Amino acid sequence: MLIELTDSPEADDEAFVIAQTRAFNAAFTKDDLRPLCVFVRDGNGSIVGGLTAKTCWDYLEIQFLWVDESHRANGLASDLMKTAEREAANRGCKHVFLDTLSFQAPGFYEKLGYSEFGRLEGFNGRHLRHFLHKSLAPSAYVQR
């Protein structure tokens, strides 16, 4: 046996481990992992805001949310979140979770109805990592 440590894995090796983990998980639940991305583009087609996420097992997992500084404070981030939540509900999701760092936007998510369920200290020596959750009310989102 040989243990290999690398910070530049072969793409096939990394994909193999992910596939094996998903195959194991499939014995216990359905395989319904789907990407979900929302973008805001300006008149030239350039992205000025975006959200990346995945839906799986009745959950929406928000991974990244970004709005260009020149477009902040005008509701775009809220629109991105609401659009993603609506699509997640349409896909059958009942919950959303995400994490954010203390210098990012925990208060923003709380204003959107998210509740903190955990936190870790000491990121870069001084920052907190907040873990947030929100239940989706199907009647508020599902388009019929």
N, C-alpha and C. Protein backbone atom coordinates (compact mmCIF):
# COMPACT_ATOMS: atom_id res chain seq x y z
N MET A 1 0.84 -1.18 0.00
CA MET A 1 0.00 0.00 0.00
C MET A 1 0.88 1.24 0.00
N LEU A 2 0.38 2.26 -0.69
CA LEU A 2 1.11 3.52 -0.77
C LEU A 2 0.11 4.66 -0.57
N ILE A 3 0.37 5.52 0.36
CA ILE A 3 -0.46 6.72 0.56
C ILE A 3 0.17 7.85 -0.22
N GLU A 4 -0.63 8.46 -1.10
CA GLU A 4 -0.16 9.56 -1.94
C GLU A 4 -0.82 10.85 -1.49
N LEU A 5 -0.04 11.87 -1.22
CA LEU A 5 -0.54 13.19 -0.84
C LEU A 5 -0.20 14.15 -1.96
N THR A 6 -1.20 14.90 -2.45
CA THR A 6 -0.94 15.82 -3.56
C THR A 6 -1.85 17.03 -3.48
N ASP A 7 -1.35 18.14 -3.95
CA ASP A 7 -2.20 19.33 -4.10
C ASP A 7 -2.52 19.58 -5.57
N SER A 8 -2.15 18.63 -6.42
CA SER A 8 -2.49 18.71 -7.84
C SER A 8 -2.86 17.31 -8.34
N PRO A 9 -4.04 16.83 -7.90
CA PRO A 9 -4.44 15.47 -8.28
C PRO A 9 -4.76 15.36 -9.77
N GLU A 10 -4.59 14.17 -10.29
CA GLU A 10 -5.05 13.88 -11.65
C GLU A 10 -6.58 13.98 -11.65
N ALA A 11 -7.13 14.61 -12.65
CA ALA A 11 -8.58 14.78 -12.73
C ALA A 11 -9.30 13.43 -12.66
N ASP A 12 -8.77 12.43 -13.34
CA ASP A 12 -9.39 11.09 -13.32
C ASP A 12 -9.37 10.47 -11.93
N ASP A 13 -8.31 10.70 -11.18
CA ASP A 13 -8.23 10.15 -9.82
C ASP A 13 -9.26 10.80 -8.91
N GLU A 14 -9.36 12.11 -8.99
CA GLU A 14 -10.34 12.82 -8.17
C GLU A 14 -11.76 12.41 -8.56
N ALA A 15 -12.04 12.32 -9.85
CA ALA A 15 -13.36 11.90 -10.33
C ALA A 15 -13.69 10.48 -9.88
N PHE A 16 -12.70 9.60 -9.84
CA PHE A 16 -12.91 8.23 -9.40
C PHE A 16 -13.38 8.18 -7.95
N VAL A 17 -12.72 8.92 -7.07
CA VAL A 17 -13.11 8.93 -5.65
C VAL A 17 -14.53 9.50 -5.49
N ILE A 18 -14.84 10.56 -6.21
CA ILE A 18 -16.18 11.15 -6.15
C ILE A 18 -17.22 10.15 -6.65
N ALA A 19 -16.95 9.48 -7.75
CA ALA A 19 -17.89 8.49 -8.31
C ALA A 19 -18.10 7.33 -7.35
N GLN A 20 -17.04 6.87 -6.70
CA GLN A 20 -17.18 5.76 -5.76
C GLN A 20 -18.01 6.17 -4.54
N THR A 21 -17.82 7.39 -4.07
CA THR A 21 -18.61 7.89 -2.94
C THR A 21 -20.08 8.00 -3.33
N ARG A 22 -20.33 8.53 -4.52
CA ARG A 22 -21.73 8.64 -4.98
C ARG A 22 -22.36 7.28 -5.17
N ALA A 23 -21.61 6.30 -5.65
CA ALA A 23 -22.14 4.94 -5.81
C ALA A 23 -22.50 4.35 -4.45
N PHE A 24 -21.68 4.56 -3.46
CA PHE A 24 -21.99 4.10 -2.11
C PHE A 24 -23.26 4.77 -1.59
N ASN A 25 -23.35 6.09 -1.75
CA ASN A 25 -24.51 6.84 -1.28
C ASN A 25 -25.79 6.39 -1.96
N ALA A 26 -25.70 5.96 -3.21
CA ALA A 26 -26.89 5.57 -3.98
C ALA A 26 -27.63 4.40 -3.34
N ALA A 27 -26.94 3.61 -2.55
CA ALA A 27 -27.59 2.49 -1.86
C ALA A 27 -28.54 2.98 -0.77
N PHE A 28 -28.39 4.21 -0.37
CA PHE A 28 -29.17 4.74 0.75
C PHE A 28 -30.18 5.81 0.35
N THR A 29 -30.03 6.38 -0.82
CA THR A 29 -30.92 7.47 -1.23
C THR A 29 -30.86 7.61 -2.76
N LYS A 30 -31.71 8.45 -3.27
CA LYS A 30 -31.74 8.68 -4.72
C LYS A 30 -30.57 9.56 -5.15
N ASP A 31 -30.18 9.44 -6.39
CA ASP A 31 -29.13 10.26 -6.97
C ASP A 31 -29.81 11.36 -7.77
N ASP A 32 -29.96 12.52 -7.15
CA ASP A 32 -30.65 13.61 -7.83
C ASP A 32 -29.85 14.92 -7.78
N LEU A 33 -28.53 14.81 -7.73
CA LEU A 33 -27.67 15.98 -7.70
C LEU A 33 -27.76 16.73 -9.02
N ARG A 34 -28.13 18.02 -8.93
CA ARG A 34 -28.24 18.87 -10.12
C ARG A 34 -27.65 20.24 -9.84
N PRO A 35 -26.87 20.78 -10.75
CA PRO A 35 -26.40 22.15 -10.58
C PRO A 35 -27.55 23.14 -10.74
N LEU A 36 -27.40 24.28 -10.09
CA LEU A 36 -28.37 25.37 -10.23
C LEU A 36 -27.56 26.66 -10.18
N CYS A 37 -27.58 27.40 -11.26
CA CYS A 37 -26.86 28.68 -11.33
C CYS A 37 -27.82 29.77 -11.79
N VAL A 38 -27.62 30.96 -11.25
CA VAL A 38 -28.41 32.13 -11.63
C VAL A 38 -27.41 33.25 -11.92
N PHE A 39 -27.58 33.93 -13.05
CA PHE A 39 -26.67 35.01 -13.42
C PHE A 39 -27.46 36.27 -13.73
N VAL A 40 -26.86 37.42 -13.45
CA VAL A 40 -27.38 38.71 -13.87
C VAL A 40 -26.36 39.27 -14.84
N ARG A 41 -26.83 39.66 -16.03
CA ARG A 41 -25.94 40.19 -17.07
C ARG A 41 -26.33 41.64 -17.38
N ASP A 42 -25.33 42.41 -17.71
CA ASP A 42 -25.59 43.78 -18.12
C ASP A 42 -25.97 43.81 -19.60
N GLY A 43 -26.16 45.00 -20.16
CA GLY A 43 -26.55 45.14 -21.55
C GLY A 43 -25.54 44.59 -22.54
N ASN A 44 -24.29 44.42 -22.13
CA ASN A 44 -23.26 43.86 -22.99
C ASN A 44 -23.11 42.35 -22.84
N GLY A 45 -23.92 41.76 -21.96
CA GLY A 45 -23.84 40.32 -21.73
C GLY A 45 -22.82 39.91 -20.68
N SER A 46 -22.17 40.89 -20.05
CA SER A 46 -21.19 40.57 -19.00
C SER A 46 -21.91 40.25 -17.70
N ILE A 47 -21.39 39.28 -16.97
CA ILE A 47 -21.98 38.90 -15.69
C ILE A 47 -21.63 39.97 -14.66
N VAL A 48 -22.66 40.51 -14.00
CA VAL A 48 -22.47 41.48 -12.92
C VAL A 48 -22.91 40.92 -11.58
N GLY A 49 -23.44 39.71 -11.61
CA GLY A 49 -23.83 39.03 -10.38
C GLY A 49 -24.14 37.59 -10.69
N GLY A 50 -23.94 36.74 -9.70
CA GLY A 50 -24.24 35.33 -9.93
C GLY A 50 -24.31 34.53 -8.65
N LEU A 51 -24.94 33.38 -8.78
CA LEU A 51 -25.10 32.44 -7.68
C LEU A 51 -24.87 31.05 -8.23
N THR A 52 -24.06 30.27 -7.53
CA THR A 52 -23.87 28.87 -7.90
C THR A 52 -24.36 28.01 -6.75
N ALA A 53 -25.00 26.89 -7.10
CA ALA A 53 -25.60 26.03 -6.09
C ALA A 53 -25.80 24.64 -6.67
N LYS A 54 -26.28 23.77 -5.82
CA LYS A 54 -26.66 22.42 -6.22
C LYS A 54 -27.93 22.05 -5.48
N THR A 55 -28.78 21.26 -6.13
CA THR A 55 -29.92 20.68 -5.43
C THR A 55 -29.69 19.18 -5.31
N CYS A 56 -30.04 18.66 -4.17
CA CYS A 56 -29.87 17.23 -3.91
C CYS A 56 -30.59 16.86 -2.63
N TRP A 57 -31.31 15.75 -2.66
CA TRP A 57 -31.94 15.17 -1.46
C TRP A 57 -32.84 16.18 -0.73
N ASP A 58 -33.66 16.89 -1.47
CA ASP A 58 -34.62 17.86 -0.93
C ASP A 58 -33.98 19.14 -0.39
N TYR A 59 -32.70 19.35 -0.69
CA TYR A 59 -31.99 20.55 -0.23
C TYR A 59 -31.41 21.32 -1.40
N LEU A 60 -31.39 22.65 -1.23
CA LEU A 60 -30.62 23.54 -2.08
C LEU A 60 -29.40 23.93 -1.27
N GLU A 61 -28.22 23.73 -1.84
CA GLU A 61 -26.98 24.16 -1.19
C GLU A 61 -26.40 25.32 -1.98
N ILE A 62 -26.46 26.50 -1.39
CA ILE A 62 -25.88 27.69 -2.01
C ILE A 62 -24.37 27.61 -1.79
N GLN A 63 -23.61 27.75 -2.87
CA GLN A 63 -22.16 27.64 -2.74
C GLN A 63 -21.46 29.00 -2.87
N PHE A 64 -21.82 29.76 -3.89
CA PHE A 64 -21.21 31.07 -4.08
C PHE A 64 -22.28 32.07 -4.49
N LEU A 65 -22.19 33.28 -3.93
CA LEU A 65 -23.07 34.40 -4.29
C LEU A 65 -22.17 35.61 -4.42
N TRP A 66 -22.26 36.27 -5.56
CA TRP A 66 -21.42 37.44 -5.81
C TRP A 66 -22.18 38.45 -6.64
N VAL A 67 -22.00 39.74 -6.29
CA VAL A 67 -22.51 40.86 -7.09
C VAL A 67 -21.38 41.87 -7.19
N ASP A 68 -21.13 42.35 -8.41
CA ASP A 68 -20.11 43.35 -8.64
C ASP A 68 -20.37 44.56 -7.75
N GLU A 69 -19.26 45.13 -7.22
CA GLU A 69 -19.40 46.26 -6.29
C GLU A 69 -20.25 47.39 -6.84
N SER A 70 -20.14 47.67 -8.11
CA SER A 70 -20.89 48.79 -8.70
C SER A 70 -22.39 48.51 -8.78
N HIS A 71 -22.81 47.28 -8.51
CA HIS A 71 -24.23 46.93 -8.58
C HIS A 71 -24.79 46.48 -7.24
N ARG A 72 -24.02 46.63 -6.18
CA ARG A 72 -24.48 46.21 -4.85
C ARG A 72 -25.46 47.22 -4.28
N ALA A 73 -26.22 46.78 -3.29
CA ALA A 73 -27.17 47.62 -2.55
C ALA A 73 -28.37 48.04 -3.39
N ASN A 74 -28.67 47.31 -4.46
CA ASN A 74 -29.88 47.62 -5.22
C ASN A 74 -30.78 46.40 -5.39
N GLY A 75 -30.57 45.37 -4.58
CA GLY A 75 -31.47 44.23 -4.57
C GLY A 75 -31.09 43.05 -5.44
N LEU A 76 -30.00 43.15 -6.17
CA LEU A 76 -29.63 42.04 -7.06
C LEU A 76 -29.34 40.75 -6.29
N ALA A 77 -28.63 40.85 -5.18
CA ALA A 77 -28.32 39.65 -4.40
C ALA A 77 -29.60 38.98 -3.89
N SER A 78 -30.54 39.78 -3.43
CA SER A 78 -31.83 39.23 -2.99
C SER A 78 -32.56 38.58 -4.15
N ASP A 79 -32.53 39.21 -5.31
CA ASP A 79 -33.18 38.64 -6.50
C ASP A 79 -32.54 37.30 -6.88
N LEU A 80 -31.21 37.23 -6.82
CA LEU A 80 -30.52 35.98 -7.12
C LEU A 80 -30.95 34.88 -6.15
N MET A 81 -30.99 35.20 -4.87
CA MET A 81 -31.38 34.22 -3.85
C MET A 81 -32.83 33.77 -4.06
N LYS A 82 -33.73 34.70 -4.27
CA LYS A 82 -35.15 34.35 -4.45
C LYS A 82 -35.36 33.51 -5.70
N THR A 83 -34.64 33.82 -6.76
CA THR A 83 -34.74 33.03 -7.99
C THR A 83 -34.27 31.60 -7.75
N ALA A 84 -33.14 31.45 -7.06
CA ALA A 84 -32.63 30.11 -6.76
C ALA A 84 -33.58 29.35 -5.84
N GLU A 85 -34.12 30.01 -4.84
CA GLU A 85 -35.06 29.36 -3.92
C GLU A 85 -36.32 28.90 -4.65
N ARG A 86 -36.81 29.74 -5.53
CA ARG A 86 -38.02 29.40 -6.30
C ARG A 86 -37.76 28.16 -7.17
N GLU A 87 -36.64 28.14 -7.86
CA GLU A 87 -36.31 26.99 -8.70
C GLU A 87 -36.11 25.73 -7.85
N ALA A 88 -35.48 25.89 -6.70
CA ALA A 88 -35.28 24.73 -5.81
C ALA A 88 -36.62 24.17 -5.36
N ALA A 89 -37.55 25.04 -5.01
CA ALA A 89 -38.89 24.57 -4.62
C ALA A 89 -39.56 23.87 -5.79
N ASN A 90 -39.40 24.40 -7.00
CA ASN A 90 -39.97 23.75 -8.18
C ASN A 90 -39.36 22.37 -8.40
N ARG A 91 -38.11 22.19 -7.98
CA ARG A 91 -37.45 20.89 -8.09
C ARG A 91 -37.82 19.95 -6.93
N GLY A 92 -38.62 20.44 -5.99
CA GLY A 92 -39.03 19.61 -4.87
C GLY A 92 -38.24 19.80 -3.59
N CYS A 93 -37.34 20.76 -3.57
CA CYS A 93 -36.56 21.01 -2.36
C CYS A 93 -37.43 21.61 -1.27
N LYS A 94 -37.12 21.23 -0.05
CA LYS A 94 -37.85 21.73 1.12
C LYS A 94 -36.99 22.61 2.01
N HIS A 95 -35.67 22.62 1.77
CA HIS A 95 -34.75 23.35 2.63
C HIS A 95 -33.62 23.96 1.80
N VAL A 96 -32.96 24.96 2.41
CA VAL A 96 -31.77 25.57 1.84
C VAL A 96 -30.71 25.65 2.93
N PHE A 97 -29.45 25.43 2.57
CA PHE A 97 -28.39 25.70 3.53
C PHE A 97 -27.20 26.32 2.80
N LEU A 98 -26.39 27.03 3.57
CA LEU A 98 -25.23 27.71 3.04
C LEU A 98 -24.28 28.02 4.18
N ASP A 99 -23.08 28.43 3.83
CA ASP A 99 -22.18 28.96 4.84
C ASP A 99 -21.59 30.26 4.32
N THR A 100 -21.25 31.14 5.25
CA THR A 100 -20.69 32.43 4.91
C THR A 100 -19.71 32.83 6.01
N LEU A 101 -18.73 33.60 5.67
CA LEU A 101 -17.76 34.06 6.65
C LEU A 101 -18.21 35.37 7.28
N SER A 102 -17.70 35.65 8.47
CA SER A 102 -18.14 36.83 9.23
C SER A 102 -17.90 38.13 8.47
N PHE A 103 -16.89 38.20 7.60
CA PHE A 103 -16.64 39.43 6.84
C PHE A 103 -17.47 39.49 5.56
N GLN A 104 -18.24 38.44 5.30
CA GLN A 104 -19.09 38.44 4.11
C GLN A 104 -20.47 38.99 4.47
N ALA A 105 -21.48 38.13 4.59
CA ALA A 105 -22.83 38.70 4.71
C ALA A 105 -23.79 37.89 5.59
N PRO A 106 -23.41 37.52 6.81
CA PRO A 106 -24.37 36.76 7.62
C PRO A 106 -25.69 37.52 7.85
N GLY A 107 -25.59 38.84 8.06
CA GLY A 107 -26.79 39.65 8.28
C GLY A 107 -27.71 39.69 7.08
N PHE A 108 -27.15 39.70 5.89
CA PHE A 108 -27.93 39.68 4.66
C PHE A 108 -28.82 38.44 4.62
N TYR A 109 -28.24 37.28 4.91
CA TYR A 109 -28.99 36.03 4.85
C TYR A 109 -30.06 35.98 5.94
N GLU A 110 -29.74 36.51 7.11
CA GLU A 110 -30.74 36.54 8.19
C GLU A 110 -31.95 37.38 7.79
N LYS A 111 -31.71 38.49 7.08
CA LYS A 111 -32.82 39.33 6.59
C LYS A 111 -33.70 38.56 5.60
N LEU A 112 -33.12 37.56 4.93
CA LEU A 112 -33.88 36.75 3.98
C LEU A 112 -34.56 35.54 4.66
N GLY A 113 -34.47 35.47 5.98
CA GLY A 113 -35.15 34.41 6.71
C GLY A 113 -34.29 33.22 7.08
N TYR A 114 -32.98 33.32 6.93
CA TYR A 114 -32.09 32.23 7.28
C TYR A 114 -31.76 32.28 8.77
N SER A 115 -31.58 31.11 9.36
CA SER A 115 -31.22 31.00 10.77
C SER A 115 -29.89 30.27 10.90
N GLU A 116 -29.06 30.75 11.80
CA GLU A 116 -27.78 30.10 12.02
C GLU A 116 -27.98 28.80 12.81
N PHE A 117 -27.34 27.73 12.36
CA PHE A 117 -27.40 26.46 13.09
C PHE A 117 -26.02 26.02 13.58
N GLY A 118 -25.00 26.79 13.24
CA GLY A 118 -23.68 26.46 13.72
C GLY A 118 -22.66 27.48 13.26
N ARG A 119 -21.51 27.43 13.93
CA ARG A 119 -20.41 28.31 13.52
C ARG A 119 -19.10 27.70 13.96
N LEU A 120 -18.07 28.04 13.20
CA LEU A 120 -16.71 27.63 13.51
C LEU A 120 -15.86 28.89 13.63
N GLU A 121 -14.94 28.88 14.57
CA GLU A 121 -14.07 30.02 14.80
C GLU A 121 -12.68 29.77 14.21
N GLY A 122 -11.93 30.84 14.06
CA GLY A 122 -10.52 30.74 13.76
C GLY A 122 -10.13 30.67 12.30
N PHE A 123 -11.02 31.02 11.38
CA PHE A 123 -10.63 31.03 9.97
C PHE A 123 -9.71 32.23 9.76
N ASN A 124 -8.54 31.96 9.27
CA ASN A 124 -7.49 32.97 9.10
C ASN A 124 -7.17 33.66 10.43
N GLY A 125 -7.41 32.93 11.51
CA GLY A 125 -7.07 33.43 12.83
C GLY A 125 -8.08 34.33 13.49
N ARG A 126 -9.04 34.86 12.74
CA ARG A 126 -9.94 35.84 13.36
C ARG A 126 -11.38 35.83 12.84
N HIS A 127 -11.67 35.06 11.81
CA HIS A 127 -13.01 35.11 11.22
C HIS A 127 -13.85 33.92 11.65
N LEU A 128 -15.15 34.12 11.65
CA LEU A 128 -16.11 33.07 11.95
C LEU A 128 -16.71 32.55 10.65
N ARG A 129 -17.00 31.28 10.63
CA ARG A 129 -17.73 30.69 9.51
C ARG A 129 -19.12 30.34 10.03
N HIS A 130 -20.14 30.96 9.44
CA HIS A 130 -21.53 30.79 9.87
C HIS A 130 -22.23 29.79 8.95
N PHE A 131 -22.97 28.86 9.54
CA PHE A 131 -23.75 27.88 8.79
C PHE A 131 -25.22 28.23 8.99
N LEU A 132 -25.93 28.44 7.88
CA LEU A 132 -27.31 28.93 7.93
C LEU A 132 -28.25 27.99 7.19
N HIS A 133 -29.51 28.03 7.60
CA HIS A 133 -30.55 27.14 7.07
C HIS A 133 -31.85 27.94 6.91
N LYS A 134 -32.65 27.51 5.96
CA LYS A 134 -33.98 28.09 5.77
C LYS A 134 -34.89 27.00 5.22
N SER A 135 -36.10 26.96 5.73
CA SER A 135 -37.11 26.05 5.17
C SER A 135 -37.83 26.76 4.04
N LEU A 136 -38.09 26.03 2.98
CA LEU A 136 -38.84 26.58 1.85
C LEU A 136 -40.30 26.24 2.03
N ALA A 137 -41.14 27.23 1.91
CA ALA A 137 -42.58 27.02 1.96
C ALA A 137 -43.04 26.77 0.53
N PRO A 138 -43.41 25.53 0.19
CA PRO A 138 -43.74 25.20 -1.20
C PRO A 138 -44.76 26.14 -1.83
N SER A 139 -45.79 26.50 -1.07
CA SER A 139 -46.84 27.34 -1.65
C SER A 139 -46.33 28.71 -2.05
N ALA A 140 -45.22 29.16 -1.42
CA ALA A 140 -44.70 30.48 -1.74
C ALA A 140 -43.84 30.49 -3.00
N TYR A 141 -43.37 29.32 -3.43
CA TYR A 141 -42.43 29.27 -4.54
C TYR A 141 -42.89 28.48 -5.75
N VAL A 142 -43.54 27.37 -5.55
CA VAL A 142 -43.83 26.47 -6.64
C VAL A 142 -44.73 27.13 -7.67
N GLN A 143 -44.27 27.13 -8.91
CA GLN A 143 -45.07 27.69 -10.00
C GLN A 143 -45.93 26.59 -10.57
N ARG A 144 -47.18 26.83 -10.71
CA ARG A 144 -48.11 25.82 -11.21
C ARG A 144 -48.51 26.14 -12.63
